[in-house]
Amino acid sequence: MHKLVLWIVNVIFSLSEGVRYDGAVTLDAFNVMGQKVAELVNAPLAAGSHTVSFDASALPSGVYIYRLAADGQMVQRKMMLLK
């Protein structure tokens, strides 16, 4: 994984991810209680950059965590949703 870039526009999140190798990728969003609130990607992806949109309009404002697993690595980061 190269990097994740998080863009927040109202309640639509756009996550840009870089994957070094072809393979299985998962990208999930969780609330602070650890409950999965969205499965954004669960598929094999080719190496390169990919963008995923996340419509969070049904979620309340607050802190969420997104977790990306690819290339045998896992990255977890916080994101803030403000409405």
C-alpha atoms as a PDB file:
ATOM      1  CA  MET A   1       0.000   0.000   0.000  1.00  0.00           C
ATOM      2  CA  HIS A   2       1.331   3.384  -0.874  1.00  0.00           C
ATOM      3  CA  LYS A   3      -1.021   5.823   0.799  1.00  0.00           C
ATOM      4  CA  LEU A   4      -4.627   6.663   1.533  1.00  0.00           C
ATOM      5  CA  VAL A   5      -6.066  10.064   0.833  1.00  0.00           C
ATOM      6  CA  LEU A   6      -9.387  10.930   2.463  1.00  0.00           C
ATOM      7  CA  TRP A   7     -11.574  13.617   0.908  1.00  0.00           C
ATOM      8  CA  ILE A   8     -14.698  14.677   2.791  1.00  0.00           C
ATOM      9  CA  VAL A   9     -17.369  16.572   0.886  1.00  0.00           C
ATOM     10  CA  ASN A  10     -20.586  16.909   2.899  1.00  0.00           C
ATOM     11  CA  VAL A  11     -21.377  13.281   3.652  1.00  0.00           C
ATOM     12  CA  ILE A  12     -19.744  11.685   0.620  1.00  0.00           C
ATOM     13  CA  PHE A  13     -16.284  10.335   1.366  1.00  0.00           C
ATOM     14  CA  SER A  14     -13.883   9.644  -1.457  1.00  0.00           C
ATOM     15  CA  LEU A  15     -11.002   7.384  -0.500  1.00  0.00           C
ATOM     16  CA  SER A  16      -8.100   7.150  -2.919  1.00  0.00           C
ATOM     17  CA  GLU A  17      -5.963   4.118  -2.346  1.00  0.00           C
ATOM     18  CA  GLY A  18      -2.766   2.889  -3.905  1.00  0.00           C
ATOM     19  CA  VAL A  19      -2.187  -0.857  -4.177  1.00  0.00           C
ATOM     20  CA  ARG A  20       1.269  -2.136  -5.107  1.00  0.00           C
ATOM     21  CA  TYR A  21       0.272  -5.626  -6.231  1.00  0.00           C
ATOM     22  CA  ASP A  22      -2.745  -7.325  -7.776  1.00  0.00           C
ATOM     23  CA  GLY A  23      -4.751  -9.062  -5.075  1.00  0.00           C
ATOM     24  CA  ALA A  24      -7.574  -9.090  -2.567  1.00  0.00           C
ATOM     25  CA  VAL A  25      -8.447  -5.742  -0.996  1.00  0.00           C
ATOM     26  CA  THR A  26     -10.889  -4.962   1.793  1.00  0.00           C
ATOM     27  CA  LEU A  27     -11.912  -1.499   2.908  1.00  0.00           C
ATOM     28  CA  ASP A  28     -14.394  -1.214   5.785  1.00  0.00           C
ATOM     29  CA  ALA A  29     -15.726   1.606   7.965  1.00  0.00           C
ATOM     30  CA  PHE A  30     -16.443   1.184  11.693  1.00  0.00           C
ATOM     31  CA  ASN A  31     -17.978   3.328  14.422  1.00  0.00           C
ATOM     32  CA  VAL A  32     -16.029   3.955  17.626  1.00  0.00           C
ATOM     33  CA  MET A  33     -17.780   0.983  19.255  1.00  0.00           C
ATOM     34  CA  GLY A  34     -16.119  -1.301  16.690  1.00  0.00           C
ATOM     35  CA  GLN A  35     -19.307  -2.042  14.761  1.00  0.00           C
ATOM     36  CA  LYS A  36     -18.902  -2.247  10.998  1.00  0.00           C
ATOM     37  CA  VAL A  37     -21.066   0.455   9.417  1.00  0.00           C
ATOM     38  CA  ALA A  38     -20.031  -0.078   5.791  1.00  0.00           C
ATOM     39  CA  GLU A  39     -18.155  -2.509   3.589  1.00  0.00           C
ATOM     40  CA  LEU A  40     -16.691  -0.356   0.859  1.00  0.00           C
ATOM     41  CA  VAL A  41     -14.473  -2.842  -0.973  1.00  0.00           C
ATOM     42  CA  ASN A  42     -14.163  -6.604  -0.764  1.00  0.00           C
ATOM     43  CA  ALA A  43     -12.750  -7.657  -4.107  1.00  0.00           C
ATOM     44  CA  PRO A  44      -9.568  -8.356  -5.989  1.00  0.00           C
ATOM     45  CA  LEU A  45      -8.047  -5.176  -7.430  1.00  0.00           C
ATOM     46  CA  ALA A  46      -5.281  -4.629  -9.915  1.00  0.00           C
ATOM     47  CA  ALA A  47      -2.160  -2.783  -8.832  1.00  0.00           C
ATOM     48  CA  GLY A  48      -2.478   0.979  -9.056  1.00  0.00           C
ATOM     49  CA  SER A  49      -4.677   3.751  -7.722  1.00  0.00           C
ATOM     50  CA  HIS A  50      -8.373   3.292  -7.034  1.00  0.00           C
ATOM     51  CA  THR A  51     -11.053   5.642  -5.736  1.00  0.00           C
ATOM     52  CA  VAL A  52     -13.997   4.508  -3.617  1.00  0.00           C
ATOM     53  CA  SER A  53     -16.976   6.692  -2.690  1.00  0.00           C
ATOM     54  CA  PHE A  54     -18.724   6.308   0.653  1.00  0.00           C
ATOM     55  CA  ASP A  55     -22.205   7.792   1.097  1.00  0.00           C
ATOM     56  CA  ALA A  56     -22.402   8.389   4.845  1.00  0.00           C
ATOM     57  CA  SER A  57     -25.679  10.318   4.732  1.00  0.00           C
ATOM     58  CA  ALA A  58     -27.437   7.701   6.910  1.00  0.00           C
ATOM     59  CA  LEU A  59     -24.784   7.918   9.645  1.00  0.00           C
ATOM     60  CA  PRO A  60     -24.752  10.428  12.502  1.00  0.00           C
ATOM     61  CA  SER A  61     -21.930  12.924  12.926  1.00  0.00           C
ATOM     62  CA  GLY A  62     -18.978  11.519  14.823  1.00  0.00           C
ATOM     63  CA  VAL A  63     -15.662   9.730  14.651  1.00  0.00           C
ATOM     64  CA  TYR A  64     -15.340   6.675  12.430  1.00  0.00           C
ATOM     65  CA  ILE A  65     -12.463   4.373  11.577  1.00  0.00           C
ATOM     66  CA  TYR A  66     -11.659   3.014   8.157  1.00  0.00           C
ATOM     67  CA  ARG A  67      -9.531  -0.082   7.714  1.00  0.00           C
ATOM     68  CA  LEU A  68      -7.761  -1.033   4.490  1.00  0.00           C
ATOM     69  CA  ALA A  69      -6.216  -4.478   4.077  1.00  0.00           C
ATOM     70  CA  ALA A  70      -4.100  -5.204   0.989  1.00  0.00           C
ATOM     71  CA  ASP A  71      -0.664  -6.469   0.060  1.00  0.00           C
ATOM     72  CA  GLY A  72      -0.561  -8.469   3.318  1.00  0.00           C
ATOM     73  CA  GLN A  73      -0.746  -5.227   5.311  1.00  0.00           C
ATOM     74  CA  MET A  74      -3.487  -3.420   7.209  1.00  0.00           C
ATOM     75  CA  VAL A  75      -3.884   0.321   7.725  1.00  0.00           C
ATOM     76  CA  GLN A  76      -6.427   1.813  10.097  1.00  0.00           C
ATOM     77  CA  ARG A  77      -7.190   5.540  10.359  1.00  0.00           C
ATOM     78  CA  LYS A  78      -9.758   7.820  12.004  1.00  0.00           C
ATOM     79  CA  MET A  79     -12.098  10.077  10.072  1.00  0.00           C
ATOM     80  CA  MET A  80     -14.513  12.718  11.334  1.00  0.00           C
ATOM     81  CA  LEU A  81     -18.002  13.039   9.898  1.00  0.00           C
ATOM     82  CA  LEU A  82     -19.599  16.444  10.420  1.00  0.00           C
ATOM     83  CA  LYS A  83     -23.039  17.252   9.076  1.00  0.00           C
END
